[in-house]
Amino acid sequence: MTGADAERMRAIGRIGGYARAASQTPEELSEAGKRARAVRTANDAARRAALGLPPSKPTPKPLSDEEMRHWKAVVDERFGADYPWANRMQRSRMAVRLAREAAARAAAEAFARRDRGDA
């Protein structure tokens, strides 16, 4: 098969994939996406294991709107409401960072209490 033939077959395959996606219900598309994600995750885990790497960590759950409002208020208290942030996202990132630091401190304190035998 020549390069032109291979490219032609790839183009036909792409068209078929679009046609298949267009004919599926949203539920079927969602299931297909979940299956594809599971295959990618398994392949990545196998690749990491073959290289002797540890498993990848799951993505942390994002803060809820209520939690984000609370931590943005903490950021404003700490830095001042008129702090000159470089962009709009920097304040949100700092809020997430403070929330994660607080969660890590709480977990460390809980483990320390457990190790001491405190209730």
Protein backbone atom coordinates (compact mmCIF):
# COMPACT_ATOMS: atom_id res chain seq x y z
CA MET A 1 0.00 0.00 0.00
CA THR A 2 1.41 3.37 -0.98
CA GLY A 3 1.41 6.45 1.20
CA ALA A 4 -1.43 7.98 -0.81
CA ASP A 5 -3.55 4.85 -0.35
CA ALA A 6 -2.90 4.81 3.39
CA GLU A 7 -3.87 8.46 3.68
CA ARG A 8 -7.05 7.82 1.67
CA MET A 9 -7.99 4.91 3.95
CA ARG A 10 -7.40 7.04 7.05
CA ALA A 11 -9.67 9.74 5.63
CA ILE A 12 -12.40 7.20 4.92
CA GLY A 13 -12.03 5.82 8.45
CA ARG A 14 -12.41 9.31 9.91
CA ILE A 15 -15.60 9.86 7.94
CA GLY A 16 -16.94 6.53 9.19
CA GLY A 17 -16.14 7.50 12.76
CA TYR A 18 -18.02 10.78 12.41
CA ALA A 19 -20.99 8.99 10.84
CA ARG A 20 -21.05 6.44 13.66
CA ALA A 21 -20.89 9.18 16.30
CA ALA A 22 -23.69 11.11 14.60
CA SER A 23 -25.96 8.06 14.60
CA GLN A 24 -25.48 7.26 18.31
CA THR A 25 -27.59 8.50 21.19
CA PRO A 26 -25.92 10.65 23.85
CA GLU A 27 -25.97 7.66 26.23
CA GLU A 28 -24.22 5.45 23.66
CA LEU A 29 -21.60 8.14 23.04
CA SER A 30 -21.04 8.47 26.78
CA GLU A 31 -20.59 4.71 27.18
CA ALA A 32 -18.17 4.59 24.23
CA GLY A 33 -16.18 7.44 25.75
CA LYS A 34 -16.04 5.68 29.12
CA ARG A 35 -14.82 2.47 27.48
CA ALA A 36 -12.17 4.38 25.52
CA ARG A 37 -11.04 6.18 28.70
CA ALA A 38 -10.78 2.85 30.54
CA VAL A 39 -8.61 1.43 27.73
CA ARG A 40 -6.35 4.50 27.77
CA THR A 41 -6.03 4.29 31.56
CA ALA A 42 -5.19 0.57 31.41
CA ASN A 43 -2.63 1.14 28.66
CA ASP A 44 -1.02 3.96 30.64
CA ALA A 45 -0.89 1.79 33.78
CA ALA A 46 0.73 -1.05 31.81
CA ARG A 47 3.26 1.34 30.25
CA ARG A 48 4.15 2.81 33.65
CA ALA A 49 4.49 -0.67 35.19
CA ALA A 50 6.75 -1.81 32.33
CA LEU A 51 8.99 1.21 32.96
CA GLY A 52 9.05 0.54 36.70
CA LEU A 53 7.16 3.73 37.50
CA PRO A 54 4.56 4.04 40.28
CA PRO A 55 0.88 4.23 39.33
CA SER A 56 -0.34 7.70 38.44
CA LYS A 57 -2.24 9.62 41.09
CA PRO A 58 -5.91 10.43 40.54
CA THR A 59 -6.76 14.05 39.81
CA PRO A 60 -7.92 15.80 42.98
CA LYS A 61 -11.61 16.66 43.19
CA PRO A 62 -12.19 20.34 42.40
CA LEU A 63 -13.52 22.66 45.11
CA SER A 64 -17.26 23.25 45.19
CA ASP A 65 -18.53 26.78 44.56
CA GLU A 66 -19.17 27.22 48.29
CA GLU A 67 -15.67 26.02 49.21
CA MET A 68 -14.14 28.27 46.54
CA ARG A 69 -15.99 31.30 47.93
CA HIS A 70 -14.73 30.49 51.43
CA TRP A 71 -11.10 30.06 50.35
CA LYS A 72 -11.19 33.18 48.16
CA ALA A 73 -12.33 35.08 51.26
CA VAL A 74 -9.35 33.60 53.14
CA VAL A 75 -7.06 34.72 50.30
CA ASP A 76 -8.53 38.24 50.46
CA GLU A 77 -8.01 38.34 54.26
CA ARG A 78 -4.43 37.17 53.92
CA PHE A 79 -3.37 39.29 50.92
CA GLY A 80 -5.89 42.13 51.07
CA ALA A 81 -8.87 42.61 48.77
CA ASP A 82 -6.95 45.08 46.59
CA TYR A 83 -3.89 42.85 46.03
CA PRO A 84 -2.65 43.30 42.42
CA TRP A 85 -3.05 39.75 41.05
CA ALA A 86 -1.31 39.17 37.72
CA ASN A 87 -4.50 37.67 36.22
CA ARG A 88 -7.96 36.50 37.25
CA MET A 89 -6.95 32.87 37.74
CA GLN A 90 -4.08 33.57 40.12
CA ARG A 91 -6.43 34.35 43.03
CA SER A 92 -8.39 31.14 42.38
CA ARG A 93 -5.22 29.07 42.21
CA MET A 94 -4.07 30.52 45.52
CA ALA A 95 -7.46 29.62 47.04
CA VAL A 96 -7.10 26.01 45.85
CA ARG A 97 -3.53 25.88 47.16
CA LEU A 98 -4.58 27.12 50.61
CA ALA A 99 -7.46 24.61 50.70
CA ARG A 100 -5.15 21.72 49.84
CA GLU A 101 -2.58 22.84 52.41
CA ALA A 102 -5.30 23.01 55.07
CA ALA A 103 -6.52 19.52 54.12
CA ALA A 104 -2.96 18.16 54.33
CA ARG A 105 -2.46 19.75 57.76
CA ALA A 106 -5.76 18.30 59.00
CA ALA A 107 -4.79 14.83 57.75
CA ALA A 108 -1.36 15.06 59.39
CA GLU A 109 -2.95 16.13 62.68
CA ALA A 110 -5.46 13.26 62.49
CA PHE A 111 -2.66 10.74 61.95
CA ALA A 112 -0.67 12.26 64.83
CA ARG A 113 -3.71 12.00 67.16
CA ARG A 114 -4.24 8.41 66.07
CA ASP A 115 -0.61 7.55 66.74
CA ARG A 116 -0.75 9.18 70.19
CA GLY A 117 -3.93 7.27 70.99
CA ASP A 118 -6.08 10.40 71.34
CA ALA A 119 -9.75 10.08 70.52
